[in-house]
PDB file of N, CA and C in Angstrom:
ATOM      1  N   MET A   1      -1.395  13.376  10.832  1.00  0.00           N
ATOM      2  CA  MET A   1      -1.454  12.200  10.004  1.00  0.00           C
ATOM      3  C   MET A   1      -1.681  12.497   8.477  1.00  0.00           C
ATOM      4  N   TYR A   2      -2.449  13.484   8.262  1.00  0.00           N
ATOM      5  CA  TYR A   2      -2.808  13.824   6.828  1.00  0.00           C
ATOM      6  C   TYR A   2      -1.593  14.232   6.062  1.00  0.00           C
ATOM      7  N   GLU A   3      -0.731  15.146   6.804  1.00  0.00           N
ATOM      8  CA  GLU A   3       0.445  15.555   6.170  1.00  0.00           C
ATOM      9  C   GLU A   3       1.398  14.470   5.797  1.00  0.00           C
ATOM     10  N   ILE A   4       1.539  13.439   6.579  1.00  0.00           N
ATOM     11  CA  ILE A   4       2.290  12.282   6.228  1.00  0.00           C
ATOM     12  C   ILE A   4       1.648  11.528   5.100  1.00  0.00           C
ATOM     13  N   PHE A   5       0.339  11.304   5.150  1.00  0.00           N
ATOM     14  CA  PHE A   5      -0.427  10.638   4.051  1.00  0.00           C
ATOM     15  C   PHE A   5      -0.085  11.347   2.730  1.00  0.00           C
ATOM     16  N   GLU A   6      -0.227  12.668   2.690  1.00  0.00           N
ATOM     17  CA  GLU A   6       0.053  13.445   1.516  1.00  0.00           C
ATOM     18  C   GLU A   6       1.524  13.271   1.030  1.00  0.00           C
ATOM     19  N   GLN A   7       2.461  13.233   1.972  1.00  0.00           N
ATOM     20  CA  GLN A   7       3.893  13.000   1.538  1.00  0.00           C
ATOM     21  C   GLN A   7       4.035  11.659   0.933  1.00  0.00           C
ATOM     22  N   LEU A   8       3.309  10.631   1.413  1.00  0.00           N
ATOM     23  CA  LEU A   8       3.456   9.303   0.905  1.00  0.00           C
ATOM     24  C   LEU A   8       2.821   9.189  -0.520  1.00  0.00           C
ATOM     25  N   LEU A   9       1.724   9.894  -0.696  1.00  0.00           N
ATOM     26  CA  LEU A   9       1.166   9.999  -2.003  1.00  0.00           C
ATOM     27  C   LEU A   9       2.142  10.624  -3.039  1.00  0.00           C
ATOM     28  N   GLN A  10       2.775  11.692  -2.637  1.00  0.00           N
ATOM     29  CA  GLN A  10       3.751  12.254  -3.483  1.00  0.00           C
ATOM     30  C   GLN A  10       4.908  11.460  -3.770  1.00  0.00           C
ATOM     31  N   LYS A  11       5.462  10.800  -2.688  1.00  0.00           N
ATOM     32  CA  LYS A  11       6.551  10.076  -2.840  1.00  0.00           C
ATOM     33  C   LYS A  11       6.376   8.887  -3.840  1.00  0.00           C
ATOM     34  N   TYR A  12       5.180   8.249  -3.824  1.00  0.00           N
ATOM     35  CA  TYR A  12       4.945   7.136  -4.688  1.00  0.00           C
ATOM     36  C   TYR A  12       4.141   7.609  -5.974  1.00  0.00           C
ATOM     37  N   ASN A  13       3.968   8.865  -6.154  1.00  0.00           N
ATOM     38  CA  ASN A  13       3.338   9.466  -7.395  1.00  0.00           C
ATOM     39  C   ASN A  13       1.863   8.883  -7.529  1.00  0.00           C
ATOM     40  N   ILE A  14       1.175   8.845  -6.428  1.00  0.00           N
ATOM     41  CA  ILE A  14      -0.176   8.302  -6.462  1.00  0.00           C
ATOM     42  C   ILE A  14      -1.157   9.347  -6.127  1.00  0.00           C
ATOM     43  N   THR A  15      -2.254   9.403  -6.862  1.00  0.00           N
ATOM     44  CA  THR A  15      -3.370  10.436  -6.523  1.00  0.00           C
ATOM     45  C   THR A  15      -4.196   9.928  -5.418  1.00  0.00           C
ATOM     46  N   ALA A  16      -4.864  10.804  -4.712  1.00  0.00           N
ATOM     47  CA  ALA A  16      -5.794  10.394  -3.695  1.00  0.00           C
ATOM     48  C   ALA A  16      -6.897   9.597  -4.263  1.00  0.00           C
ATOM     49  N   TYR A  17      -7.367   9.929  -5.486  1.00  0.00           N
ATOM     50  CA  TYR A  17      -8.448   9.215  -6.174  1.00  0.00           C
ATOM     51  C   TYR A  17      -7.992   7.732  -6.309  1.00  0.00           C
ATOM     52  N   LYS A  18      -6.718   7.542  -6.954  1.00  0.00           N
ATOM     53  CA  LYS A  18      -6.196   6.235  -7.128  1.00  0.00           C
ATOM     54  C   LYS A  18      -6.164   5.405  -5.843  1.00  0.00           C
ATOM     55  N   PHE A  19      -5.651   6.101  -4.862  1.00  0.00           N
ATOM     56  CA  PHE A  19      -5.476   5.451  -3.500  1.00  0.00           C
ATOM     57  C   PHE A  19      -6.887   4.982  -3.010  1.00  0.00           C
ATOM     58  N   CYS A  20      -7.872   5.771  -3.124  1.00  0.00           N
ATOM     59  CA  CYS A  20      -9.207   5.436  -2.666  1.00  0.00           C
ATOM     60  C   CYS A  20      -9.836   4.262  -3.542  1.00  0.00           C
ATOM     61  N   LYS A  21      -9.509   4.381  -4.784  1.00  0.00           N
ATOM     62  CA  LYS A  21      -9.994   3.234  -5.651  1.00  0.00           C
ATOM     63  C   LYS A  21      -9.355   1.905  -5.349  1.00  0.00           C
ATOM     64  N   GLU A  22      -8.123   1.886  -4.973  1.00  0.00           N
ATOM     65  CA  GLU A  22      -7.330   0.728  -4.848  1.00  0.00           C
ATOM     66  C   GLU A  22      -7.566   0.200  -3.338  1.00  0.00           C
ATOM     67  N   THR A  23      -7.897   1.054  -2.350  1.00  0.00           N
ATOM     68  CA  THR A  23      -7.942   0.513  -0.966  1.00  0.00           C
ATOM     69  C   THR A  23      -9.450   0.476  -0.645  1.00  0.00           C
ATOM     70  N   GLY A  24     -10.296   1.149  -1.303  1.00  0.00           N
ATOM     71  CA  GLY A  24     -11.716   1.034  -0.896  1.00  0.00           C
ATOM     72  C   GLY A  24     -12.009   2.155   0.183  1.00  0.00           C
ATOM     73  N   ILE A  25     -11.122   2.897   0.554  1.00  0.00           N
ATOM     74  CA  ILE A  25     -11.305   3.990   1.462  1.00  0.00           C
ATOM     75  C   ILE A  25     -11.908   5.240   0.836  1.00  0.00           C
ATOM     76  N   SER A  26     -12.976   5.734   1.369  1.00  0.00           N
ATOM     77  CA  SER A  26     -13.713   6.845   0.619  1.00  0.00           C
ATOM     78  C   SER A  26     -12.981   8.102   0.659  1.00  0.00           C
ATOM     79  N   GLN A  27     -13.191   8.989  -0.389  1.00  0.00           N
ATOM     80  CA  GLN A  27     -12.632  10.211  -0.511  1.00  0.00           C
ATOM     81  C   GLN A  27     -13.081  11.169   0.665  1.00  0.00           C
ATOM     82  N   SER A  28     -14.353  10.875   1.093  1.00  0.00           N
ATOM     83  CA  SER A  28     -14.915  11.716   2.225  1.00  0.00           C
ATOM     84  C   SER A  28     -14.096  11.390   3.489  1.00  0.00           C
ATOM     85  N   THR A  29     -13.652  10.195   3.702  1.00  0.00           N
ATOM     86  CA  THR A  29     -12.776   9.801   4.819  1.00  0.00           C
ATOM     87  C   THR A  29     -11.487  10.576   4.803  1.00  0.00           C
ATOM     88  N   ILE A  30     -11.006  10.730   3.634  1.00  0.00           N
ATOM     89  CA  ILE A  30      -9.642  11.541   3.541  1.00  0.00           C
ATOM     90  C   ILE A  30      -9.891  12.951   3.792  1.00  0.00           C
ATOM     91  N   SER A  31     -11.049  13.480   3.331  1.00  0.00           N
ATOM     92  CA  SER A  31     -11.436  14.875   3.621  1.00  0.00           C
ATOM     93  C   SER A  31     -11.568  15.171   5.064  1.00  0.00           C
ATOM     94  N   THR A  32     -12.036  14.194   5.853  1.00  0.00           N
ATOM     95  CA  THR A  32     -12.091  14.453   7.338  1.00  0.00           C
ATOM     96  C   THR A  32     -10.773  14.370   7.929  1.00  0.00           C
ATOM     97  N   TRP A  33      -9.861  13.615   7.367  1.00  0.00           N
ATOM     98  CA  TRP A  33      -8.447  13.668   7.860  1.00  0.00           C
ATOM     99  C   TRP A  33      -7.915  15.080   7.618  1.00  0.00           C
ATOM    100  N   LYS A  34      -8.172  15.561   6.414  1.00  0.00           N
ATOM    101  CA  LYS A  34      -7.553  16.793   6.068  1.00  0.00           C
ATOM    102  C   LYS A  34      -8.090  17.970   6.884  1.00  0.00           C
ATOM    103  N   SER A  35      -9.413  17.924   7.171  1.00  0.00           N
ATOM    104  CA  SER A  35     -10.030  19.045   8.038  1.00  0.00           C
ATOM    105  C   SER A  35      -9.752  18.659   9.505  1.00  0.00           C
ATOM    106  N   LYS A  36      -9.185  17.612   9.893  1.00  0.00           N
ATOM    107  CA  LYS A  36      -8.855  17.261  11.217  1.00  0.00           C
ATOM    108  C   LYS A  36     -10.030  17.140  12.038  1.00  0.00           C
ATOM    109  N   LYS A  37     -11.161  16.829  11.399  1.00  0.00           N
ATOM    110  CA  LYS A  37     -12.421  16.692  12.241  1.00  0.00           C
ATOM    111  C   LYS A  37     -12.484  15.286  12.872  1.00  0.00           C
ATOM    112  N   ASN A  38     -11.721  14.442  12.346  1.00  0.00           N
ATOM    113  CA  ASN A  38     -11.865  13.020  12.710  1.00  0.00           C
ATOM    114  C   ASN A  38     -10.501  12.360  12.773  1.00  0.00           C
ATOM    115  N   LEU A  39     -10.288  11.577  13.822  1.00  0.00           N
ATOM    116  CA  LEU A  39      -8.962  10.837  13.850  1.00  0.00           C
ATOM    117  C   LEU A  39      -9.213   9.578  13.084  1.00  0.00           C
ATOM    118  N   VAL A  40      -8.070   8.933  12.660  1.00  0.00           N
ATOM    119  CA  VAL A  40      -8.092   7.658  11.981  1.00  0.00           C
ATOM    120  C   VAL A  40      -8.380   6.550  12.873  1.00  0.00           C
ATOM    121  N   SER A  41      -9.284   5.645  12.428  1.00  0.00           N
ATOM    122  CA  SER A  41      -9.579   4.437  13.253  1.00  0.00           C
ATOM    123  C   SER A  41      -8.265   3.550  13.130  1.00  0.00           C
ATOM    124  N   PRO A  42      -8.044   2.691  14.036  1.00  0.00           N
ATOM    125  CA  PRO A  42      -6.913   1.771  13.925  1.00  0.00           C
ATOM    126  C   PRO A  42      -7.009   0.860  12.729  1.00  0.00           C
ATOM    127  N   GLU A  43      -8.137   0.442  12.407  1.00  0.00           N
ATOM    128  CA  GLU A  43      -8.434  -0.379  11.080  1.00  0.00           C
ATOM    129  C   GLU A  43      -8.103   0.281   9.917  1.00  0.00           C
ATOM    130  N   ILE A  44      -8.499   1.512   9.685  1.00  0.00           N
ATOM    131  CA  ILE A  44      -8.322   2.287   8.546  1.00  0.00           C
ATOM    132  C   ILE A  44      -6.757   2.683   8.530  1.00  0.00           C
ATOM    133  N   GLY A  45      -6.194   3.109   9.680  1.00  0.00           N
ATOM    134  CA  GLY A  45      -4.842   3.422   9.810  1.00  0.00           C
ATOM    135  C   GLY A  45      -3.934   2.374   9.328  1.00  0.00           C
ATOM    136  N   LYS A  46      -4.252   1.060   9.751  1.00  0.00           N
ATOM    137  CA  LYS A  46      -3.543  -0.035   9.348  1.00  0.00           C
ATOM    138  C   LYS A  46      -3.553  -0.276   7.777  1.00  0.00           C
ATOM    139  N   ARG A  47      -4.842  -0.211   7.276  1.00  0.00           N
ATOM    140  CA  ARG A  47      -4.898  -0.337   5.868  1.00  0.00           C
ATOM    141  C   ARG A  47      -4.061   0.628   5.058  1.00  0.00           C
ATOM    142  N   VAL A  48      -4.044   1.896   5.495  1.00  0.00           N
ATOM    143  CA  VAL A  48      -3.229   2.991   4.921  1.00  0.00           C
ATOM    144  C   VAL A  48      -1.678   2.590   5.027  1.00  0.00           C
ATOM    145  N   ALA A  49      -1.323   2.328   6.299  1.00  0.00           N
ATOM    146  CA  ALA A  49       0.023   1.867   6.492  1.00  0.00           C
ATOM    147  C   ALA A  49       0.502   0.717   5.639  1.00  0.00           C
ATOM    148  N   ASP A  50      -0.302  -0.276   5.576  1.00  0.00           N
ATOM    149  CA  ASP A  50      -0.021  -1.443   4.806  1.00  0.00           C
ATOM    150  C   ASP A  50       0.071  -1.088   3.248  1.00  0.00           C
ATOM    151  N   TYR A  51      -0.822  -0.239   2.880  1.00  0.00           N
ATOM    152  CA  TYR A  51      -0.708   0.132   1.404  1.00  0.00           C
ATOM    153  C   TYR A  51       0.629   0.776   1.052  1.00  0.00           C
ATOM    154  N   PHE A  52       1.119   1.578   1.956  1.00  0.00           N
ATOM    155  CA  PHE A  52       2.344   2.364   1.630  1.00  0.00           C
ATOM    156  C   PHE A  52       3.558   1.602   2.102  1.00  0.00           C
ATOM    157  N   GLY A  53       3.358   0.458   2.928  1.00  0.00           N
ATOM    158  CA  GLY A  53       4.492  -0.305   3.382  1.00  0.00           C
ATOM    159  C   GLY A  53       5.269   0.285   4.511  1.00  0.00           C
ATOM    160  N   VAL A  54       4.430   1.066   5.317  1.00  0.00           N
ATOM    161  CA  VAL A  54       5.112   1.782   6.539  1.00  0.00           C
ATOM    162  C   VAL A  54       4.394   1.250   7.689  1.00  0.00           C
ATOM    163  N   SER A  55       4.951   1.563   8.965  1.00  0.00           N
ATOM    164  CA  SER A  55       4.274   1.164  10.132  1.00  0.00           C
ATOM    165  C   SER A  55       3.191   2.140  10.470  1.00  0.00           C
ATOM    166  N   LEU A  56       2.238   1.770  11.323  1.00  0.00           N
ATOM    167  CA  LEU A  56       1.239   2.643  11.807  1.00  0.00           C
ATOM    168  C   LEU A  56       1.836   3.795  12.546  1.00  0.00           C
ATOM    169  N   ASP A  57       2.891   3.496  13.282  1.00  0.00           N
ATOM    170  CA  ASP A  57       3.513   4.526  14.114  1.00  0.00           C
ATOM    171  C   ASP A  57       4.099   5.636  13.180  1.00  0.00           C
ATOM    172  N   TYR A  58       4.745   5.123  11.965  1.00  0.00           N
ATOM    173  CA  TYR A  58       5.279   6.080  11.130  1.00  0.00           C
ATOM    174  C   TYR A  58       4.135   6.973  10.447  1.00  0.00           C
ATOM    175  N   LEU A  59       3.026   6.308  10.105  1.00  0.00           N
ATOM    176  CA  LEU A  59       1.990   7.066   9.553  1.00  0.00           C
ATOM    177  C   LEU A  59       1.392   8.122  10.495  1.00  0.00           C
ATOM    178  N   MET A  60       1.428   7.882  11.819  1.00  0.00           N
ATOM    179  CA  MET A  60       0.847   8.759  12.725  1.00  0.00           C
ATOM    180  C   MET A  60       1.847   9.824  13.244  1.00  0.00           C
ATOM    181  N   THR A  61       3.101   9.380  13.200  1.00  0.00           N
ATOM    182  CA  THR A  61       4.190  10.363  13.886  1.00  0.00           C
ATOM    183  C   THR A  61       5.182  10.853  12.821  1.00  0.00           C
ATOM    184  N   GLY A  62       5.414  10.101  11.692  1.00  0.00           N
ATOM    185  CA  GLY A  62       6.389  10.560  10.757  1.00  0.00           C
ATOM    186  C   GLY A  62       7.823  10.072  11.159  1.00  0.00           C
ATOM    187  N   LYS A  63       7.952   9.333  12.324  1.00  0.00           N
ATOM    188  CA  LYS A  63       9.258   8.944  12.757  1.00  0.00           C
ATOM    189  C   LYS A  63       9.540   7.608  12.118  1.00  0.00           C
ATOM    190  N   GLU A  64      10.850   7.540  11.545  1.00  0.00           N
ATOM    191  CA  GLU A  64      11.273   6.297  10.926  1.00  0.00           C
ATOM    192  C   GLU A  64      11.444   5.223  11.859  1.00  0.00           C
ATOM    193  N   GLU A  65      11.304   4.013  11.427  1.00  0.00           N
ATOM    194  CA  GLU A  65      11.581   2.798  12.174  1.00  0.00           C
ATOM    195  C   GLU A  65      13.030   2.470  12.173  1.00  0.00           C
ATOM    196  N   PRO A  66      13.504   1.845  13.117  1.00  0.00           N
ATOM    197  CA  PRO A  66      14.912   1.349  13.007  1.00  0.00           C
ATOM    198  C   PRO A  66      15.017   0.401  11.869  1.00  0.00           C
ATOM    199  N   GLU A  67      16.179   0.520  11.234  1.00  0.00           N
ATOM    200  CA  GLU A  67      16.452  -0.233   9.922  1.00  0.00           C
ATOM    201  C   GLU A  67      16.105  -1.754  10.051  1.00  0.00           C
ATOM    202  N   GLU A  68      16.387  -2.369  11.163  1.00  0.00           N
ATOM    203  CA  GLU A  68      16.090  -3.757  11.228  1.00  0.00           C
ATOM    204  C   GLU A  68      14.603  -4.218  11.366  1.00  0.00           C
ATOM    205  N   LYS A  69      13.765  -3.268  11.702  1.00  0.00           N
ATOM    206  CA  LYS A  69      12.353  -3.439  11.678  1.00  0.00           C
ATOM    207  C   LYS A  69      11.553  -3.065  10.609  1.00  0.00           C
ATOM    208  N   LYS A  70      12.240  -2.472   9.620  1.00  0.00           N
ATOM    209  CA  LYS A  70      11.597  -2.099   8.355  1.00  0.00           C
ATOM    210  C   LYS A  70      11.127  -3.322   7.548  1.00  0.00           C
ATOM    211  N   ASN A  71       9.926  -3.137   6.945  1.00  0.00           N
ATOM    212  CA  ASN A  71       9.294  -4.134   6.118  1.00  0.00           C
ATOM    213  C   ASN A  71      10.182  -4.291   4.804  1.00  0.00           C
ATOM    214  N   PRO A  72      10.638  -5.445   4.570  1.00  0.00           N
ATOM    215  CA  PRO A  72      11.454  -5.673   3.261  1.00  0.00           C
ATOM    216  C   PRO A  72      10.656  -5.403   1.959  1.00  0.00           C
ATOM    217  N   TYR A  73       9.436  -5.277   2.046  1.00  0.00           N
ATOM    218  CA  TYR A  73       8.550  -5.142   0.919  1.00  0.00           C
ATOM    219  C   TYR A  73       7.911  -3.675   0.869  1.00  0.00           C
ATOM    220  N   SER A  74       8.513  -2.754   1.665  1.00  0.00           N
ATOM    221  CA  SER A  74       7.934  -1.489   1.786  1.00  0.00           C
ATOM    222  C   SER A  74       8.081  -0.636   0.518  1.00  0.00           C
ATOM    223  N   ASP A  75       8.928  -0.991  -0.394  1.00  0.00           N
ATOM    224  CA  ASP A  75       9.071  -0.273  -1.627  1.00  0.00           C
ATOM    225  C   ASP A  75       7.960  -0.791  -2.707  1.00  0.00           C
ATOM    226  N   LEU A  76       7.214  -1.818  -2.364  1.00  0.00           N
ATOM    227  CA  LEU A  76       6.209  -2.244  -3.170  1.00  0.00           C
ATOM    228  C   LEU A  76       4.926  -1.295  -3.194  1.00  0.00           C
ATOM    229  N   LYS A  77       4.363  -1.017  -4.271  1.00  0.00           N
ATOM    230  CA  LYS A  77       3.197  -0.151  -4.208  1.00  0.00           C
ATOM    231  C   LYS A  77       1.957  -1.081  -3.956  1.00  0.00           C
ATOM    232  N   GLY A  78       1.030  -0.557  -3.280  1.00  0.00           N
ATOM    233  CA  GLY A  78      -0.115  -1.234  -2.670  1.00  0.00           C
ATOM    234  C   GLY A  78      -0.721  -2.169  -3.687  1.00  0.00           C
ATOM    235  N   ILE A  79      -0.858  -1.744  -4.926  1.00  0.00           N
ATOM    236  CA  ILE A  79      -1.566  -2.576  -5.864  1.00  0.00           C
ATOM    237  C   ILE A  79      -0.864  -3.910  -6.018  1.00  0.00           C
ATOM    238  N   TYR A  80       0.481  -4.070  -5.858  1.00  0.00           N
ATOM    239  CA  TYR A  80       1.154  -5.272  -5.995  1.00  0.00           C
ATOM    240  C   TYR A  80       0.812  -6.181  -4.825  1.00  0.00           C
ATOM    241  N   LEU A  81       0.606  -5.547  -3.700  1.00  0.00           N
ATOM    242  CA  LEU A  81       0.270  -6.288  -2.506  1.00  0.00           C
ATOM    243  C   LEU A  81      -1.154  -6.797  -2.563  1.00  0.00           C
ATOM    244  N   SER A  82      -1.986  -5.941  -3.233  1.00  0.00           N
ATOM    245  CA  SER A  82      -3.348  -6.218  -3.373  1.00  0.00           C
ATOM    246  C   SER A  82      -3.475  -7.522  -4.246  1.00  0.00           C
ATOM    247  N   TYR A  83      -2.652  -7.559  -5.295  1.00  0.00           N
ATOM    248  CA  TYR A  83      -2.690  -8.688  -6.266  1.00  0.00           C
ATOM    249  C   TYR A  83      -2.210  -9.962  -5.540  1.00  0.00           C
ATOM    250  N   ALA A  84      -1.195  -9.822  -4.693  1.00  0.00           N
ATOM    251  CA  ALA A  84      -0.684 -10.975  -3.944  1.00  0.00           C
ATOM    252  C   ALA A  84      -1.709 -11.519  -3.023  1.00  0.00           C
ATOM    253  N   LYS A  85      -2.391 -10.620  -2.393  1.00  0.00           N
ATOM    254  CA  LYS A  85      -3.477 -11.025  -1.401  1.00  0.00           C
ATOM    255  C   LYS A  85      -4.659 -11.664  -2.158  1.00  0.00           C
ATOM    256  N   GLU A  86      -4.948 -11.221  -3.303  1.00  0.00           N
ATOM    257  CA  GLU A  86      -6.024 -11.664  -4.109  1.00  0.00           C
ATOM    258  C   GLU A  86      -5.648 -13.122  -4.528  1.00  0.00           C
ATOM    259  N   ALA A  87      -4.374 -13.374  -5.035  1.00  0.00           N
ATOM    260  CA  ALA A  87      -3.984 -14.586  -5.436  1.00  0.00           C
ATOM    261  C   ALA A  87      -3.996 -15.713  -4.254  1.00  0.00           C
ATOM    262  N   GLN A  88      -3.564 -15.146  -3.098  1.00  0.00           N
ATOM    263  CA  GLN A  88      -3.546 -16.071  -1.872  1.00  0.00           C
ATOM    264  C   GLN A  88      -4.999 -16.447  -1.514  1.00  0.00           C
ATOM    265  N   ASP A  89      -5.885 -15.362  -1.498  1.00  0.00           N
ATOM    266  CA  ASP A  89      -7.362 -15.674  -1.185  1.00  0.00           C
ATOM    267  C   ASP A  89      -7.954 -16.635  -2.223  1.00  0.00           C
ATOM    268  N   SER A  90      -7.476 -16.502  -3.374  1.00  0.00           N
ATOM    269  CA  SER A  90      -8.104 -17.365  -4.454  1.00  0.00           C
ATOM    270  C   SER A  90      -7.494 -18.767  -4.547  1.00  0.00           C
ATOM    271  N   GLY A  91      -6.537 -19.028  -3.750  1.00  0.00           N
ATOM    272  CA  GLY A  91      -5.904 -20.322  -3.686  1.00  0.00           C
ATOM    273  C   GLY A  91      -4.926 -20.585  -4.806  1.00  0.00           C
ATOM    274  N   ILE A  92      -4.377 -19.491  -5.497  1.00  0.00           N
ATOM    275  CA  ILE A  92      -3.415 -19.573  -6.487  1.00  0.00           C
ATOM    276  C   ILE A  92      -2.068 -19.960  -5.887  1.00  0.00           C
ATOM    277  N   ASP A  93      -1.541 -21.051  -6.444  1.00  0.00           N
ATOM    278  CA  ASP A  93      -0.311 -21.523  -5.840  1.00  0.00           C
ATOM    279  C   ASP A  93       0.930 -20.594  -6.315  1.00  0.00           C
ATOM    280  N   PRO A  94       1.740 -20.439  -5.353  1.00  0.00           N
ATOM    281  CA  PRO A  94       3.011 -19.506  -5.645  1.00  0.00           C
ATOM    282  C   PRO A  94       3.701 -20.098  -6.932  1.00  0.00           C
ATOM    283  N   ASP A  95       3.798 -21.374  -7.082  1.00  0.00           N
ATOM    284  CA  ASP A  95       4.475 -21.933  -8.366  1.00  0.00           C
ATOM    285  C   ASP A  95       3.680 -21.486  -9.561  1.00  0.00           C
ATOM    286  N   ASP A  96       2.461 -21.383  -9.570  1.00  0.00           N
ATOM    287  CA  ASP A  96       1.671 -20.934 -10.683  1.00  0.00           C
ATOM    288  C   ASP A  96       1.974 -19.393 -11.015  1.00  0.00           C
ATOM    289  N   ILE A  97       2.082 -18.669  -9.964  1.00  0.00           N
ATOM    290  CA  ILE A  97       2.541 -17.273 -10.109  1.00  0.00           C
ATOM    291  C   ILE A  97       3.857 -17.158 -10.743  1.00  0.00           C
ATOM    292  N   ARG A  98       4.844 -17.855 -10.232  1.00  0.00           N
ATOM    293  CA  ARG A  98       6.190 -17.901 -10.893  1.00  0.00           C
ATOM    294  C   ARG A  98       6.010 -18.284 -12.289  1.00  0.00           C
ATOM    295  N   LEU A  99       5.343 -19.282 -12.647  1.00  0.00           N
ATOM    296  CA  LEU A  99       5.122 -19.729 -14.056  1.00  0.00           C
ATOM    297  C   LEU A  99       4.578 -18.581 -14.854  1.00  0.00           C
ATOM    298  N   ALA A 100       3.511 -17.876 -14.345  1.00  0.00           N
ATOM    299  CA  ALA A 100       2.857 -16.803 -15.000  1.00  0.00           C
ATOM    300  C   ALA A 100       3.999 -15.669 -15.239  1.00  0.00           C
ATOM    301  N   LEU A 101       4.880 -15.363 -14.278  1.00  0.00           N
ATOM    302  CA  LEU A 101       5.849 -14.238 -14.409  1.00  0.00           C
ATOM    303  C   LEU A 101       6.946 -14.792 -15.371  1.00  0.00           C
ATOM    304  N   ASP A 102       7.286 -16.007 -15.441  1.00  0.00           N
ATOM    305  CA  ASP A 102       8.292 -16.503 -16.377  1.00  0.00           C
ATOM    306  C   ASP A 102       7.696 -16.449 -17.755  1.00  0.00           C
ATOM    307  N   THR A 103       6.523 -16.742 -17.962  1.00  0.00           N
ATOM    308  CA  THR A 103       5.730 -16.731 -19.261  1.00  0.00           C
ATOM    309  C   THR A 103       5.779 -15.263 -19.802  1.00  0.00           C
ATOM    310  N   ILE A 104       5.422 -14.345 -18.881  1.00  0.00           N
ATOM    311  CA  ILE A 104       5.380 -12.911 -19.261  1.00  0.00           C
ATOM    312  C   ILE A 104       6.772 -12.401 -19.723  1.00  0.00           C
ATOM    313  N   ARG A 105       7.818 -12.790 -18.892  1.00  0.00           N
ATOM    314  CA  ARG A 105       9.179 -12.422 -19.232  1.00  0.00           C
ATOM    315  C   ARG A 105       9.591 -12.936 -20.621  1.00  0.00           C
ATOM    316  N   ARG A 106       9.213 -14.199 -20.882  1.00  0.00           N
ATOM    317  CA  ARG A 106       9.561 -14.702 -22.300  1.00  0.00           C
ATOM    318  C   ARG A 106       8.781 -14.054 -23.363  1.00  0.00           C
ATOM    319  N   LEU A 107       7.596 -13.748 -23.258  1.00  0.00           N
ATOM    320  CA  LEU A 107       6.833 -13.121 -24.197  1.00  0.00           C
ATOM    321  C   LEU A 107       7.399 -11.661 -24.519  1.00  0.00           C
ATOM    322  N   ARG A 108       7.906 -11.142 -23.476  1.00  0.00           N
ATOM    323  CA  ARG A 108       8.488  -9.739 -23.636  1.00  0.00           C
ATOM    324  C   ARG A 108      10.014  -9.806 -24.088  1.00  0.00           C
ATOM    325  N   GLY A 109      10.504 -11.064 -24.244  1.00  0.00           N
ATOM    326  CA  GLY A 109      11.859 -11.296 -24.602  1.00  0.00           C
ATOM    327  C   GLY A 109      12.950 -10.962 -23.596  1.00  0.00           C
ATOM    328  N   GLU A 110      12.463 -10.983 -22.182  1.00  0.00           N
ATOM    329  CA  GLU A 110      13.447 -10.863 -21.217  1.00  0.00           C
ATOM    330  C   GLU A 110      13.874 -12.177 -20.663  1.00  0.00           C
ATOM    331  N   LYS A 111      14.894 -12.244 -19.928  1.00  0.00           N
ATOM    332  CA  LYS A 111      15.382 -13.368 -19.300  1.00  0.00           C
ATOM    333  C   LYS A 111      14.994 -13.504 -17.913  1.00  0.00           C
TER     334      LYS A 111
END
């Protein structure tokens, strides 16, 4: 599992420190994966898989999912998903998010 985790970090150009900071998973937990002293709990495994937009099976085995089962948001970095979750938990309406994005684009001079 650790090897796949490392590959995902490299693929998305994310440091282990940044991953830990964004997910709340401790660096000591990652160290135990690396030394293979401890297997990943299902809860932590799911958090890692969700962060990278992969299945838990992929995280554990490295085997790709069939195309039709892939998450359409798998190319999103975890931080974007974290913001979406925070907005949802805070009761921010999706229309308000769209308005904020449109405002940012206008300020940047984008269409």
